[in-house]
Amino acid sequence: MTSRRAFLGTLAGGLFAAPLVGEAQQPAKTARIGVLSLASGPNPDMDIFPRLRELGWIEGRNLAVEYRWATGREDQLPALAAELVRLKVDVIVTLSTPATQAAKQATTTIPIVMTFVADPVGSGLVASLARPGGNVTGVSTLAAGLVAKRLDLLKSVVPGIKRAAVLWEPGVLGEGAMQSIREETVAAARTLGVQVQFIAARRPEDLERAFVSIREARIIAFLVFPSPMFFEASRRIVALAAKNRLPGVYPWREGPKTGGLMSYATNFPDMYRRAATYVDKILKGAKPADLPVEQPTKFELVINLKTAKALGLTIPPSLLQRADEVIQ
């Protein structure tokens, strides 16, 4: 016979031991993130993972990542998005409007956190910024006044400029967004007393011809519209600008970092830190439809002083003082 004391001791030991055994048998779930991009590889300025690590999501511990790079081939995006859906990832992070559109077409259930998207509403990705609806949310790069600011910067450093070229990729931002940004450019140019000529490039191989058109039109400076293809081809654009001795203002810091004149752009590291908070909230149970889309709030001016000197341009001291970074 078992004594009453022994029975109670056995019972108590079982009560205390059971939860520990249960916990040991239930390893923490590993979240899976899919990354879908037109780029050919990661960019340290466009990376959500440093912030995710701060939030407790560690790759190889409780986080697995599936990368799908289209390397500039937009036609590859639907197949790559379908691969991520078949893998049953928990969240898809997209970089660019075409990547987000491909992901949305591939799934209506897996949450999508978009980045590097100019006009989410006009592109049909969300119902509204405040109430996205569906399975897409994230951060937008579109902000009023950016093109006007870039044109003003160009006029401040290029003496006597009367005409400027605008390098653009038709269709990349969505019809509504592109029309809006073109109208904003024309209005800003009129205010500044500068005429603008739009020069289209649909593929990387069009860039050489685009710069020939700028040179033949005797235009002495240019702006670059946002485009994932242009971003991938940033070094090539900078090289063509240098070859033709053309000062340009870019919509990303990679322009001046690789030898272009200057950029005025969304602070991408800040934007991707904010995108990481969307991923964190969704992995913890939030619904994309309930998370309003954010627009950029931080912008940065980067000037390459070495390039300015090579072009024979003088950067006003007041502009240098306002710059977030000056490359010597």
C-alpha atoms as a PDB file:
ATOM      1  CA  MET A   1       0.000   0.000   0.000  1.00  0.00           C
ATOM      2  CA  THR A   2       1.161   3.532  -0.789  1.00  0.00           C
ATOM      3  CA  SER A   3       1.180   5.883   2.168  1.00  0.00           C
ATOM      4  CA  ARG A   4      -0.871   9.084   1.985  1.00  0.00           C
ATOM      5  CA  ARG A   5       2.321  11.164   2.304  1.00  0.00           C
ATOM      6  CA  ALA A   6       4.007   9.321  -0.582  1.00  0.00           C
ATOM      7  CA  PHE A   7       0.912   9.699  -2.767  1.00  0.00           C
ATOM      8  CA  LEU A   8       0.732  13.460  -2.171  1.00  0.00           C
ATOM      9  CA  GLY A   9       4.457  13.812  -2.870  1.00  0.00           C
ATOM     10  CA  THR A  10       4.095  11.951  -6.145  1.00  0.00           C
ATOM     11  CA  LEU A  11       1.084  14.062  -7.129  1.00  0.00           C
ATOM     12  CA  ALA A  12       2.838  17.331  -6.320  1.00  0.00           C
ATOM     13  CA  GLY A  13       5.949  16.276  -8.214  1.00  0.00           C
ATOM     14  CA  GLY A  14       3.834  15.447 -11.240  1.00  0.00           C
ATOM     15  CA  LEU A  15       2.055  18.808 -11.117  1.00  0.00           C
ATOM     16  CA  PHE A  16       5.334  20.711 -11.084  1.00  0.00           C
ATOM     17  CA  ALA A  17       7.076  18.520 -13.632  1.00  0.00           C
ATOM     18  CA  ALA A  18       4.317  18.360 -16.234  1.00  0.00           C
ATOM     19  CA  PRO A  19       4.573  21.957 -17.513  1.00  0.00           C
ATOM     20  CA  LEU A  20       8.341  21.657 -17.872  1.00  0.00           C
ATOM     21  CA  VAL A  21       8.010  18.518 -19.974  1.00  0.00           C
ATOM     22  CA  GLY A  22       5.297  20.167 -22.061  1.00  0.00           C
ATOM     23  CA  GLU A  23       7.440  23.220 -22.695  1.00  0.00           C
ATOM     24  CA  ALA A  24      10.389  21.106 -23.734  1.00  0.00           C
ATOM     25  CA  GLN A  25       8.220  19.298 -26.284  1.00  0.00           C
ATOM     26  CA  GLN A  26       6.956  22.525 -27.898  1.00  0.00           C
ATOM     27  CA  PRO A  27       9.846  24.360 -29.599  1.00  0.00           C
ATOM     28  CA  ALA A  28       9.246  27.985 -30.535  1.00  0.00           C
ATOM     29  CA  LYS A  29       7.677  28.348 -33.974  1.00  0.00           C
ATOM     30  CA  THR A  30       9.964  29.666 -36.690  1.00  0.00           C
ATOM     31  CA  ALA A  31       8.389  32.455 -38.720  1.00  0.00           C
ATOM     32  CA  ARG A  32       9.039  32.423 -42.464  1.00  0.00           C
ATOM     33  CA  ILE A  33       9.395  35.634 -44.481  1.00  0.00           C
ATOM     34  CA  GLY A  34       9.526  35.817 -48.248  1.00  0.00           C
ATOM     35  CA  VAL A  35      11.365  38.720 -49.905  1.00  0.00           C
ATOM     36  CA  LEU A  36      10.372  39.523 -53.492  1.00  0.00           C
ATOM     37  CA  SER A  37      12.352  42.131 -55.430  1.00  0.00           C
ATOM     38  CA  LEU A  38      13.242  43.294 -58.927  1.00  0.00           C
ATOM     39  CA  ALA A  39      16.809  43.817 -57.719  1.00  0.00           C
ATOM     40  CA  SER A  40      19.677  41.369 -58.165  1.00  0.00           C
ATOM     41  CA  GLY A  41      20.562  41.202 -54.488  1.00  0.00           C
ATOM     42  CA  PRO A  42      20.336  42.920 -51.098  1.00  0.00           C
ATOM     43  CA  ASN A  43      21.109  46.581 -50.465  1.00  0.00           C
ATOM     44  CA  PRO A  44      22.232  47.638 -46.962  1.00  0.00           C
ATOM     45  CA  ASP A  45      20.132  50.818 -47.180  1.00  0.00           C
ATOM     46  CA  MET A  46      17.000  48.799 -48.036  1.00  0.00           C
ATOM     47  CA  ASP A  47      17.061  46.139 -45.351  1.00  0.00           C
ATOM     48  CA  ILE A  48      14.369  45.320 -42.779  1.00  0.00           C
ATOM     49  CA  PHE A  49      16.412  42.766 -40.885  1.00  0.00           C
ATOM     50  CA  PRO A  50      18.522  44.980 -38.577  1.00  0.00           C
ATOM     51  CA  ARG A  51      15.292  46.357 -37.082  1.00  0.00           C
ATOM     52  CA  LEU A  52      13.713  42.898 -36.963  1.00  0.00           C
ATOM     53  CA  ARG A  53      16.689  41.680 -34.935  1.00  0.00           C
ATOM     54  CA  GLU A  54      16.093  44.517 -32.487  1.00  0.00           C
ATOM     55  CA  LEU A  55      12.484  43.339 -32.225  1.00  0.00           C
ATOM     56  CA  GLY A  56      13.583  39.796 -31.369  1.00  0.00           C
ATOM     57  CA  TRP A  57      13.377  38.107 -34.787  1.00  0.00           C
ATOM     58  CA  ILE A  58      16.721  36.360 -35.372  1.00  0.00           C
ATOM     59  CA  GLU A  59      17.403  34.559 -38.623  1.00  0.00           C
ATOM     60  CA  GLY A  60      18.394  30.960 -37.886  1.00  0.00           C
ATOM     61  CA  ARG A  61      16.754  31.059 -34.456  1.00  0.00           C
ATOM     62  CA  ASN A  62      13.089  31.992 -34.810  1.00  0.00           C
ATOM     63  CA  LEU A  63      13.124  33.400 -38.347  1.00  0.00           C
ATOM     64  CA  ALA A  64      13.719  31.886 -41.777  1.00  0.00           C
ATOM     65  CA  VAL A  65      13.968  34.007 -44.931  1.00  0.00           C
ATOM     66  CA  GLU A  66      13.280  33.035 -48.535  1.00  0.00           C
ATOM     67  CA  TYR A  67      14.764  35.509 -51.025  1.00  0.00           C
ATOM     68  CA  ARG A  68      13.551  35.786 -54.594  1.00  0.00           C
ATOM     69  CA  TRP A  69      15.480  38.254 -56.818  1.00  0.00           C
ATOM     70  CA  ALA A  70      14.188  39.015 -60.333  1.00  0.00           C
ATOM     71  CA  THR A  71      17.474  40.732 -61.362  1.00  0.00           C
ATOM     72  CA  GLY A  72      15.628  43.383 -63.330  1.00  0.00           C
ATOM     73  CA  ARG A  73      13.371  40.887 -65.133  1.00  0.00           C
ATOM     74  CA  GLU A  74       9.842  42.053 -64.364  1.00  0.00           C
ATOM     75  CA  ASP A  75       8.406  39.095 -66.284  1.00  0.00           C
ATOM     76  CA  GLN A  76       9.965  36.744 -63.702  1.00  0.00           C
ATOM     77  CA  LEU A  77       8.069  38.239 -60.765  1.00  0.00           C
ATOM     78  CA  PRO A  78       4.795  36.234 -61.080  1.00  0.00           C
ATOM     79  CA  ALA A  79       6.648  32.900 -61.025  1.00  0.00           C
ATOM     80  CA  LEU A  80       8.827  33.987 -58.094  1.00  0.00           C
ATOM     81  CA  ALA A  81       5.756  35.171 -56.169  1.00  0.00           C
ATOM     82  CA  ALA A  82       4.058  31.846 -56.828  1.00  0.00           C
ATOM     83  CA  GLU A  83       7.115  30.040 -55.386  1.00  0.00           C
ATOM     84  CA  LEU A  84       6.808  31.997 -52.137  1.00  0.00           C
ATOM     85  CA  VAL A  85       3.102  31.182 -51.932  1.00  0.00           C
ATOM     86  CA  ARG A  86       3.830  27.466 -52.398  1.00  0.00           C
ATOM     87  CA  LEU A  87       6.369  27.671 -49.576  1.00  0.00           C
ATOM     88  CA  LYS A  88       3.557  28.997 -47.322  1.00  0.00           C
ATOM     89  CA  VAL A  89       5.595  31.874 -45.939  1.00  0.00           C
ATOM     90  CA  ASP A  90       3.966  33.880 -43.148  1.00  0.00           C
ATOM     91  CA  VAL A  91       4.642  37.305 -44.724  1.00  0.00           C
ATOM     92  CA  ILE A  92       5.863  38.484 -48.133  1.00  0.00           C
ATOM     93  CA  VAL A  93       7.970  41.656 -48.156  1.00  0.00           C
ATOM     94  CA  THR A  94       7.996  43.316 -51.575  1.00  0.00           C
ATOM     95  CA  LEU A  95      10.401  45.917 -52.987  1.00  0.00           C
ATOM     96  CA  SER A  96       8.775  47.916 -55.822  1.00  0.00           C
ATOM     97  CA  THR A  97       5.331  48.342 -57.335  1.00  0.00           C
ATOM     98  CA  PRO A  98       5.688  45.477 -59.876  1.00  0.00           C
ATOM     99  CA  ALA A  99       6.824  43.075 -57.141  1.00  0.00           C
ATOM    100  CA  THR A 100       3.872  44.035 -54.949  1.00  0.00           C
ATOM    101  CA  GLN A 101       1.432  43.635 -57.829  1.00  0.00           C
ATOM    102  CA  ALA A 102       2.846  40.172 -58.598  1.00  0.00           C
ATOM    103  CA  ALA A 103       2.550  39.122 -54.946  1.00  0.00           C
ATOM    104  CA  LYS A 104      -1.015  40.401 -54.699  1.00  0.00           C
ATOM    105  CA  GLN A 105      -1.985  38.475 -57.831  1.00  0.00           C
ATOM    106  CA  ALA A 106      -0.400  35.343 -56.382  1.00  0.00           C
ATOM    107  CA  THR A 107      -2.214  35.404 -53.024  1.00  0.00           C
ATOM    108  CA  THR A 108      -5.152  37.053 -51.301  1.00  0.00           C
ATOM    109  CA  THR A 109      -4.427  35.459 -47.916  1.00  0.00           C
ATOM    110  CA  ILE A 110      -0.713  35.748 -47.126  1.00  0.00           C
ATOM    111  CA  PRO A 111       0.043  39.217 -45.679  1.00  0.00           C
ATOM    112  CA  ILE A 112       2.144  41.461 -47.922  1.00  0.00           C
ATOM    113  CA  VAL A 113       4.304  44.320 -46.588  1.00  0.00           C
ATOM    114  CA  MET A 114       5.177  46.609 -49.502  1.00  0.00           C
ATOM    115  CA  THR A 115       8.156  48.963 -49.781  1.00  0.00           C
ATOM    116  CA  PHE A 116       9.513  51.179 -52.587  1.00  0.00           C
ATOM    117  CA  VAL A 117       5.971  51.733 -53.903  1.00  0.00           C
ATOM    118  CA  ALA A 118       5.126  55.234 -55.121  1.00  0.00           C
ATOM    119  CA  ASP A 119       1.327  55.181 -55.321  1.00  0.00           C
ATOM    120  CA  PRO A 120      -0.335  52.227 -53.563  1.00  0.00           C
ATOM    121  CA  VAL A 121      -3.859  53.536 -54.145  1.00  0.00           C
ATOM    122  CA  GLY A 122      -3.399  54.527 -57.791  1.00  0.00           C
ATOM    123  CA  SER A 123      -1.675  51.203 -58.474  1.00  0.00           C
ATOM    124  CA  GLY A 124      -4.684  49.329 -57.121  1.00  0.00           C
ATOM    125  CA  LEU A 125      -2.744  47.740 -54.265  1.00  0.00           C
ATOM    126  CA  VAL A 126      -4.827  49.161 -51.410  1.00  0.00           C
ATOM    127  CA  ALA A 127      -8.280  50.711 -51.111  1.00  0.00           C
ATOM    128  CA  SER A 128      -6.910  53.738 -49.241  1.00  0.00           C
ATOM    129  CA  LEU A 129      -3.886  54.683 -47.158  1.00  0.00           C
ATOM    130  CA  ALA A 130      -5.930  54.866 -43.949  1.00  0.00           C
ATOM    131  CA  ARG A 131      -7.873  51.652 -44.594  1.00  0.00           C
ATOM    132  CA  PRO A 132      -5.851  49.377 -46.878  1.00  0.00           C
ATOM    133  CA  GLY A 133      -8.314  46.465 -46.875  1.00  0.00           C
ATOM    134  CA  GLY A 134      -7.209  43.111 -48.242  1.00  0.00           C
ATOM    135  CA  ASN A 135      -3.814  41.603 -47.479  1.00  0.00           C
ATOM    136  CA  VAL A 136      -1.465  44.467 -48.481  1.00  0.00           C
ATOM    137  CA  THR A 137      -0.031  47.265 -46.334  1.00  0.00           C
ATOM    138  CA  GLY A 138       3.353  48.878 -45.723  1.00  0.00           C
ATOM    139  CA  VAL A 139       5.152  52.093 -46.599  1.00  0.00           C
ATOM    140  CA  SER A 140       4.903  54.358 -49.641  1.00  0.00           C
ATOM    141  CA  THR A 141       7.701  56.434 -51.167  1.00  0.00           C
ATOM    142  CA  LEU A 142       5.426  59.047 -52.734  1.00  0.00           C
ATOM    143  CA  ALA A 143       5.472  62.498 -51.184  1.00  0.00           C
ATOM    144  CA  ALA A 144       4.294  65.787 -52.640  1.00  0.00           C
ATOM    145  CA  GLY A 145       6.930  68.345 -53.548  1.00  0.00           C
ATOM    146  CA  LEU A 146       9.923  66.030 -54.036  1.00  0.00           C
ATOM    147  CA  VAL A 147      10.299  66.662 -57.768  1.00  0.00           C
ATOM    148  CA  ALA A 148       9.902  70.421 -57.295  1.00  0.00           C
ATOM    149  CA  LYS A 149      12.631  70.307 -54.642  1.00  0.00           C
ATOM    150  CA  ARG A 150      14.994  68.382 -56.938  1.00  0.00           C
ATOM    151  CA  LEU A 151      14.448  70.821 -59.776  1.00  0.00           C
ATOM    152  CA  ASP A 152      15.060  73.761 -57.434  1.00  0.00           C
ATOM    153  CA  LEU A 153      18.320  72.140 -56.301  1.00  0.00           C
ATOM    154  CA  LEU A 154      19.397  71.695 -59.901  1.00  0.00           C
ATOM    155  CA  LYS A 155      18.741  75.346 -60.669  1.00  0.00           C
ATOM    156  CA  SER A 156      20.674  76.454 -57.586  1.00  0.00           C
ATOM    157  CA  VAL A 157      23.893  74.737 -58.716  1.00  0.00           C
ATOM    158  CA  VAL A 158      23.735  75.011 -62.527  1.00  0.00           C
ATOM    159  CA  PRO A 159      24.095  78.708 -63.468  1.00  0.00           C
ATOM    160  CA  GLY A 160      21.757  79.987 -66.147  1.00  0.00           C
ATOM    161  CA  ILE A 161      19.899  76.719 -66.649  1.00  0.00           C
ATOM    162  CA  LYS A 162      16.885  77.183 -68.934  1.00  0.00           C
ATOM    163  CA  ARG A 163      16.145  73.589 -69.892  1.00  0.00           C
ATOM    164  CA  ALA A 164      16.391  70.294 -68.020  1.00  0.00           C
ATOM    165  CA  ALA A 165      15.843  66.710 -69.107  1.00  0.00           C
ATOM    166  CA  VAL A 166      13.735  64.306 -67.053  1.00  0.00           C
ATOM    167  CA  LEU A 167      14.727  60.647 -67.369  1.00  0.00           C
ATOM    168  CA  TRP A 168      11.642  58.488 -66.785  1.00  0.00           C
ATOM    169  CA  GLU A 169      10.379  54.934 -67.251  1.00  0.00           C
ATOM    170  CA  PRO A 170       6.810  54.880 -68.637  1.00  0.00           C
ATOM    171  CA  GLY A 171       4.286  52.798 -66.710  1.00  0.00           C
ATOM    172  CA  VAL A 172       6.506  51.884 -63.771  1.00  0.00           C
ATOM    173  CA  LEU A 173       4.646  53.867 -61.085  1.00  0.00           C
ATOM    174  CA  GLY A 174       1.117  53.273 -62.285  1.00  0.00           C
ATOM    175  CA  GLU A 175      -0.757  55.590 -64.630  1.00  0.00           C
ATOM    176  CA  GLY A 176      -2.200  57.855 -61.913  1.00  0.00           C
ATOM    177  CA  ALA A 177       1.073  58.296 -60.049  1.00  0.00           C
ATOM    178  CA  MET A 178       3.065  58.948 -63.210  1.00  0.00           C
ATOM    179  CA  GLN A 179       0.593  61.545 -64.443  1.00  0.00           C
ATOM    180  CA  SER A 180       0.688  63.254 -61.058  1.00  0.00           C
ATOM    181  CA  ILE A 181       4.482  63.384 -60.905  1.00  0.00           C
ATOM    182  CA  ARG A 182       4.741  64.664 -64.500  1.00  0.00           C
ATOM    183  CA  GLU A 183       2.215  67.425 -63.795  1.00  0.00           C
ATOM    184  CA  GLU A 184       4.077  68.349 -60.614  1.00  0.00           C
ATOM    185  CA  THR A 185       7.326  68.549 -62.601  1.00  0.00           C
ATOM    186  CA  VAL A 186       5.846  70.791 -65.296  1.00  0.00           C
ATOM    187  CA  ALA A 187       4.276  73.107 -62.700  1.00  0.00           C
ATOM    188  CA  ALA A 188       7.525  73.383 -60.722  1.00  0.00           C
ATOM    189  CA  ALA A 189       9.517  74.054 -63.891  1.00  0.00           C
ATOM    190  CA  ARG A 190       7.128  76.818 -64.907  1.00  0.00           C
ATOM    191  CA  THR A 191       7.486  78.444 -61.488  1.00  0.00           C
ATOM    192  CA  LEU A 192      11.284  78.268 -61.694  1.00  0.00           C
ATOM    193  CA  GLY A 193      11.449  79.475 -65.294  1.00  0.00           C
ATOM    194  CA  VAL A 194      12.878  76.192 -66.579  1.00  0.00           C
ATOM    195  CA  GLN A 195      11.580  74.108 -69.472  1.00  0.00           C
ATOM    196  CA  VAL A 196      11.603  70.334 -69.062  1.00  0.00           C
ATOM    197  CA  GLN A 197      11.879  67.646 -71.706  1.00  0.00           C
ATOM    198  CA  PHE A 198      10.841  64.094 -70.769  1.00  0.00           C
ATOM    199  CA  ILE A 199      13.210  61.400 -72.047  1.00  0.00           C
ATOM    200  CA  ALA A 200      11.840  57.848 -71.786  1.00  0.00           C
ATOM    201  CA  ALA A 201      13.824  54.667 -71.132  1.00  0.00           C
ATOM    202  CA  ARG A 202      11.919  51.382 -70.753  1.00  0.00           C
ATOM    203  CA  ARG A 203      14.890  49.005 -70.503  1.00  0.00           C
ATOM    204  CA  PRO A 204      18.542  49.304 -69.436  1.00  0.00           C
ATOM    205  CA  GLU A 205      19.613  49.152 -73.071  1.00  0.00           C
ATOM    206  CA  ASP A 206      17.595  52.329 -73.721  1.00  0.00           C
ATOM    207  CA  LEU A 207      19.769  54.422 -71.418  1.00  0.00           C
ATOM    208  CA  GLU A 208      22.570  55.068 -73.916  1.00  0.00           C
ATOM    209  CA  ARG A 209      20.058  56.328 -76.480  1.00  0.00           C
ATOM    210  CA  ALA A 210      18.371  58.475 -73.802  1.00  0.00           C
ATOM    211  CA  PHE A 211      21.623  60.309 -73.084  1.00  0.00           C
ATOM    212  CA  VAL A 212      22.265  60.749 -76.798  1.00  0.00           C
ATOM    213  CA  SER A 213      18.847  62.445 -76.993  1.00  0.00           C
ATOM    214  CA  ILE A 214      19.744  64.735 -74.083  1.00  0.00           C
ATOM    215  CA  ARG A 215      23.040  65.701 -75.698  1.00  0.00           C
ATOM    216  CA  GLU A 216      21.462  66.282 -79.133  1.00  0.00           C
ATOM    217  CA  ALA A 217      18.833  68.528 -77.529  1.00  0.00           C
ATOM    218  CA  ARG A 218      21.707  70.572 -75.998  1.00  0.00           C
ATOM    219  CA  ILE A 219      20.292  70.154 -72.498  1.00  0.00           C
ATOM    220  CA  ILE A 220      22.861  70.762 -69.779  1.00  0.00           C
ATOM    221  CA  ALA A 221      21.334  69.004 -66.717  1.00  0.00           C
ATOM    222  CA  PHE A 222      18.823  66.314 -65.847  1.00  0.00           C
ATOM    223  CA  LEU A 223      16.583  64.785 -63.194  1.00  0.00           C
ATOM    224  CA  VAL A 224      15.883  61.088 -62.671  1.00  0.00           C
ATOM    225  CA  PHE A 225      12.365  59.875 -61.840  1.00  0.00           C
ATOM    226  CA  PRO A 226      12.016  56.980 -59.361  1.00  0.00           C
ATOM    227  CA  SER A 227      12.150  53.554 -61.012  1.00  0.00           C
ATOM    228  CA  PRO A 228      13.337  50.110 -59.829  1.00  0.00           C
ATOM    229  CA  MET A 229      15.035  49.620 -63.201  1.00  0.00           C
ATOM    230  CA  PHE A 230      16.867  52.946 -62.863  1.00  0.00           C
ATOM    231  CA  PHE A 231      17.850  52.022 -59.311  1.00  0.00           C
ATOM    232  CA  GLU A 232      19.403  48.762 -60.552  1.00  0.00           C
ATOM    233  CA  ALA A 233      21.124  50.667 -63.362  1.00  0.00           C
ATOM    234  CA  SER A 234      22.264  53.520 -61.113  1.00  0.00           C
ATOM    235  CA  ARG A 235      25.979  53.039 -61.820  1.00  0.00           C
ATOM    236  CA  ARG A 236      25.342  52.971 -65.542  1.00  0.00           C
ATOM    237  CA  ILE A 237      23.310  56.173 -65.409  1.00  0.00           C
ATOM    238  CA  VAL A 238      26.039  57.873 -63.385  1.00  0.00           C
ATOM    239  CA  ALA A 239      28.685  56.695 -65.863  1.00  0.00           C
ATOM    240  CA  LEU A 240      26.686  58.020 -68.828  1.00  0.00           C
ATOM    241  CA  ALA A 241      26.181  61.329 -67.015  1.00  0.00           C
ATOM    242  CA  ALA A 242      29.924  61.595 -66.409  1.00  0.00           C
ATOM    243  CA  LYS A 243      30.700  60.702 -70.032  1.00  0.00           C
ATOM    244  CA  ASN A 244      28.407  63.488 -71.218  1.00  0.00           C
ATOM    245  CA  ARG A 245      29.421  65.900 -68.425  1.00  0.00           C
ATOM    246  CA  LEU A 246      25.834  66.269 -67.248  1.00  0.00           C
ATOM    247  CA  PRO A 247      24.944  67.205 -63.663  1.00  0.00           C
ATOM    248  CA  GLY A 248      21.982  65.240 -62.375  1.00  0.00           C
ATOM    249  CA  VAL A 249      19.742  65.003 -59.317  1.00  0.00           C
ATOM    250  CA  TYR A 250      18.777  61.461 -58.300  1.00  0.00           C
ATOM    251  CA  PRO A 251      15.868  60.066 -56.239  1.00  0.00           C
ATOM    252  CA  TRP A 252      18.191  57.874 -54.154  1.00  0.00           C
ATOM    253  CA  ARG A 253      21.531  58.332 -52.410  1.00  0.00           C
ATOM    254  CA  GLU A 254      23.206  55.686 -54.605  1.00  0.00           C
ATOM    255  CA  GLY A 255      23.421  58.393 -57.299  1.00  0.00           C
ATOM    256  CA  PRO A 256      25.944  60.670 -55.568  1.00  0.00           C
ATOM    257  CA  LYS A 257      27.541  57.755 -53.708  1.00  0.00           C
ATOM    258  CA  THR A 258      28.600  56.266 -57.052  1.00  0.00           C
ATOM    259  CA  GLY A 259      29.677  59.566 -58.643  1.00  0.00           C
ATOM    260  CA  GLY A 260      26.483  61.451 -59.494  1.00  0.00           C
ATOM    261  CA  LEU A 261      26.102  65.079 -58.456  1.00  0.00           C
ATOM    262  CA  MET A 262      23.408  65.001 -55.791  1.00  0.00           C
ATOM    263  CA  SER A 263      20.241  63.355 -54.499  1.00  0.00           C
ATOM    264  CA  TYR A 264      17.224  64.463 -52.562  1.00  0.00           C
ATOM    265  CA  ALA A 265      15.274  61.429 -51.498  1.00  0.00           C
ATOM    266  CA  THR A 266      13.367  59.469 -48.941  1.00  0.00           C
ATOM    267  CA  ASN A 267      15.594  58.251 -46.136  1.00  0.00           C
ATOM    268  CA  PHE A 268      15.481  54.570 -47.124  1.00  0.00           C
ATOM    269  CA  PRO A 269      17.099  53.114 -43.970  1.00  0.00           C
ATOM    270  CA  ASP A 270      14.404  54.859 -41.922  1.00  0.00           C
ATOM    271  CA  MET A 271      11.669  53.643 -44.268  1.00  0.00           C
ATOM    272  CA  TYR A 272      12.815  50.032 -44.029  1.00  0.00           C
ATOM    273  CA  ARG A 273      13.009  50.216 -40.244  1.00  0.00           C
ATOM    274  CA  ARG A 274       9.356  51.252 -40.312  1.00  0.00           C
ATOM    275  CA  ALA A 275       8.541  48.433 -42.716  1.00  0.00           C
ATOM    276  CA  ALA A 276      10.076  45.990 -40.231  1.00  0.00           C
ATOM    277  CA  THR A 277       7.565  47.073 -37.589  1.00  0.00           C
ATOM    278  CA  TYR A 278       4.769  46.049 -39.960  1.00  0.00           C
ATOM    279  CA  VAL A 279       6.307  42.578 -40.288  1.00  0.00           C
ATOM    280  CA  ASP A 280       6.674  42.329 -36.513  1.00  0.00           C
ATOM    281  CA  LYS A 281       3.056  43.304 -35.893  1.00  0.00           C
ATOM    282  CA  ILE A 282       1.755  40.874 -38.504  1.00  0.00           C
ATOM    283  CA  LEU A 283       3.834  37.988 -37.134  1.00  0.00           C
ATOM    284  CA  LYS A 284       2.284  38.779 -33.748  1.00  0.00           C
ATOM    285  CA  GLY A 285      -1.250  38.558 -35.135  1.00  0.00           C
ATOM    286  CA  ALA A 286      -2.129  41.950 -36.640  1.00  0.00           C
ATOM    287  CA  LYS A 287      -4.084  42.026 -39.915  1.00  0.00           C
ATOM    288  CA  PRO A 288      -2.751  44.036 -42.887  1.00  0.00           C
ATOM    289  CA  ALA A 289      -6.213  45.505 -43.474  1.00  0.00           C
ATOM    290  CA  ASP A 290      -6.022  47.157 -40.033  1.00  0.00           C
ATOM    291  CA  LEU A 291      -2.560  48.723 -40.498  1.00  0.00           C
ATOM    292  CA  PRO A 292      -2.641  52.101 -42.330  1.00  0.00           C
ATOM    293  CA  VAL A 293      -0.070  52.672 -45.062  1.00  0.00           C
ATOM    294  CA  GLU A 294       2.626  55.150 -44.027  1.00  0.00           C
ATOM    295  CA  GLN A 295       4.148  57.854 -46.204  1.00  0.00           C
ATOM    296  CA  PRO A 296       7.758  59.037 -45.861  1.00  0.00           C
ATOM    297  CA  THR A 297       8.537  61.637 -43.222  1.00  0.00           C
ATOM    298  CA  LYS A 298      12.344  61.819 -43.433  1.00  0.00           C
ATOM    299  CA  PHE A 299      14.282  63.046 -46.458  1.00  0.00           C
ATOM    300  CA  GLU A 300      17.994  63.540 -47.033  1.00  0.00           C
ATOM    301  CA  LEU A 301      20.179  65.665 -49.268  1.00  0.00           C
ATOM    302  CA  VAL A 302      23.461  64.106 -50.394  1.00  0.00           C
ATOM    303  CA  ILE A 303      25.999  66.087 -52.443  1.00  0.00           C
ATOM    304  CA  ASN A 304      29.109  64.779 -54.180  1.00  0.00           C
ATOM    305  CA  LEU A 305      31.506  67.716 -53.973  1.00  0.00           C
ATOM    306  CA  LYS A 306      34.186  65.900 -55.980  1.00  0.00           C
ATOM    307  CA  THR A 307      31.761  65.496 -58.895  1.00  0.00           C
ATOM    308  CA  ALA A 308      30.701  69.144 -58.654  1.00  0.00           C
ATOM    309  CA  LYS A 309      34.340  70.245 -58.961  1.00  0.00           C
ATOM    310  CA  ALA A 310      34.894  67.912 -61.925  1.00  0.00           C
ATOM    311  CA  LEU A 311      31.910  69.514 -63.668  1.00  0.00           C
ATOM    312  CA  GLY A 312      33.142  73.013 -62.867  1.00  0.00           C
ATOM    313  CA  LEU A 313      30.196  73.725 -60.569  1.00  0.00           C
ATOM    314  CA  THR A 314      30.242  75.640 -57.297  1.00  0.00           C
ATOM    315  CA  ILE A 315      27.902  74.409 -54.591  1.00  0.00           C
ATOM    316  CA  PRO A 316      26.535  77.343 -52.565  1.00  0.00           C
ATOM    317  CA  PRO A 317      27.788  77.236 -48.940  1.00  0.00           C
ATOM    318  CA  SER A 318      24.193  77.460 -47.691  1.00  0.00           C
ATOM    319  CA  LEU A 319      23.367  74.265 -49.611  1.00  0.00           C
ATOM    320  CA  LEU A 320      26.399  72.457 -48.234  1.00  0.00           C
ATOM    321  CA  GLN A 321      25.321  73.373 -44.714  1.00  0.00           C
ATOM    322  CA  ARG A 322      21.862  71.888 -45.339  1.00  0.00           C
ATOM    323  CA  ALA A 323      23.246  68.628 -46.759  1.00  0.00           C
ATOM    324  CA  ASP A 324      22.884  65.477 -44.698  1.00  0.00           C
ATOM    325  CA  GLU A 325      26.052  64.115 -46.298  1.00  0.00           C
ATOM    326  CA  VAL A 326      28.794  65.706 -48.396  1.00  0.00           C
ATOM    327  CA  ILE A 327      31.022  63.330 -50.345  1.00  0.00           C
ATOM    328  CA  GLN A 328      34.493  64.845 -50.768  1.00  0.00           C
END
